[in-house]
Amino acid sequence: MPITRLNHFKAKEASSEELGTFLKSLIPYISNSRGCLACDVLQNKDDSQATLLSKNGKR
């Protein structure tokens, strides 16, 4: 059974780009973890401080 994990992050004022860069740097590590099917970082277009890290995997 596939599992989706969503991690919501809210950056401090003027730090959203730094947070996004950091989270994107984690994608190779997460993607190579056992059971990972996909991993992505999404930026909210309406709220630049809000970022989502999504991981799809299996048990």
Protein backbone atom coordinates (compact mmCIF):
# COMPACT_ATOMS: atom_id res chain seq x y z
CA MET A 1 0.00 0.00 0.00
CA PRO A 2 1.50 3.40 -1.00
CA ILE A 3 1.99 6.03 1.69
CA THR A 4 2.14 9.80 1.11
CA ARG A 5 3.86 11.99 3.66
CA LEU A 6 3.35 15.76 3.51
CA ASN A 7 5.56 18.07 5.54
CA HIS A 8 4.48 21.71 5.73
CA PHE A 9 7.07 24.40 6.45
CA LYS A 10 6.63 28.12 7.05
CA ALA A 11 9.78 30.20 6.52
CA LYS A 12 10.67 33.25 8.55
CA GLU A 13 10.22 36.57 6.82
CA ALA A 14 12.74 36.94 3.94
CA SER A 15 14.02 33.35 4.37
CA SER A 16 11.70 31.46 2.01
CA GLU A 17 14.29 31.10 -0.76
CA GLU A 18 16.85 29.74 1.72
CA LEU A 19 14.35 27.22 3.09
CA GLY A 20 13.37 26.09 -0.42
CA THR A 21 17.02 25.62 -1.39
CA PHE A 22 17.70 23.60 1.76
CA LEU A 23 14.66 21.35 1.27
CA LYS A 24 15.56 20.77 -2.39
CA SER A 25 19.05 19.73 -1.28
CA LEU A 26 17.44 16.90 0.71
CA ILE A 27 15.66 15.37 -2.30
CA PRO A 28 18.56 13.05 -3.33
CA TYR A 29 18.82 11.65 0.21
CA ILE A 30 15.08 11.13 0.55
CA SER A 31 14.68 9.73 -2.99
CA ASN A 32 17.38 7.13 -2.30
CA SER A 33 15.80 5.98 0.95
CA ARG A 34 14.27 2.51 1.06
CA GLY A 35 10.73 2.42 -0.30
CA CYS A 36 10.69 5.96 -1.69
CA LEU A 37 8.76 6.24 -4.95
CA ALA A 38 8.88 10.04 -5.39
CA CYS A 39 9.90 13.19 -3.55
CA ASP A 40 9.21 16.83 -4.38
CA VAL A 41 9.36 20.33 -2.89
CA LEU A 42 6.46 22.64 -3.72
CA GLN A 43 6.30 26.41 -3.14
CA ASN A 44 2.93 28.05 -2.46
CA LYS A 45 2.28 30.68 -5.15
CA ASP A 46 -0.03 32.70 -2.89
CA ASP A 47 2.21 32.56 0.20
CA SER A 48 5.93 32.55 -0.63
CA GLN A 49 6.78 31.64 2.97
CA ALA A 50 4.85 28.35 2.76
CA THR A 51 6.68 25.29 1.40
CA LEU A 52 5.62 21.64 1.19
CA LEU A 53 7.88 18.58 1.09
CA SER A 54 6.04 15.59 -0.36
CA LYS A 55 7.24 11.98 -0.22
CA ASN A 56 5.46 9.01 -1.75
CA GLY A 57 6.61 5.59 -0.70
CA LYS A 58 5.70 2.06 0.16
CA ARG A 59 6.10 0.19 3.40
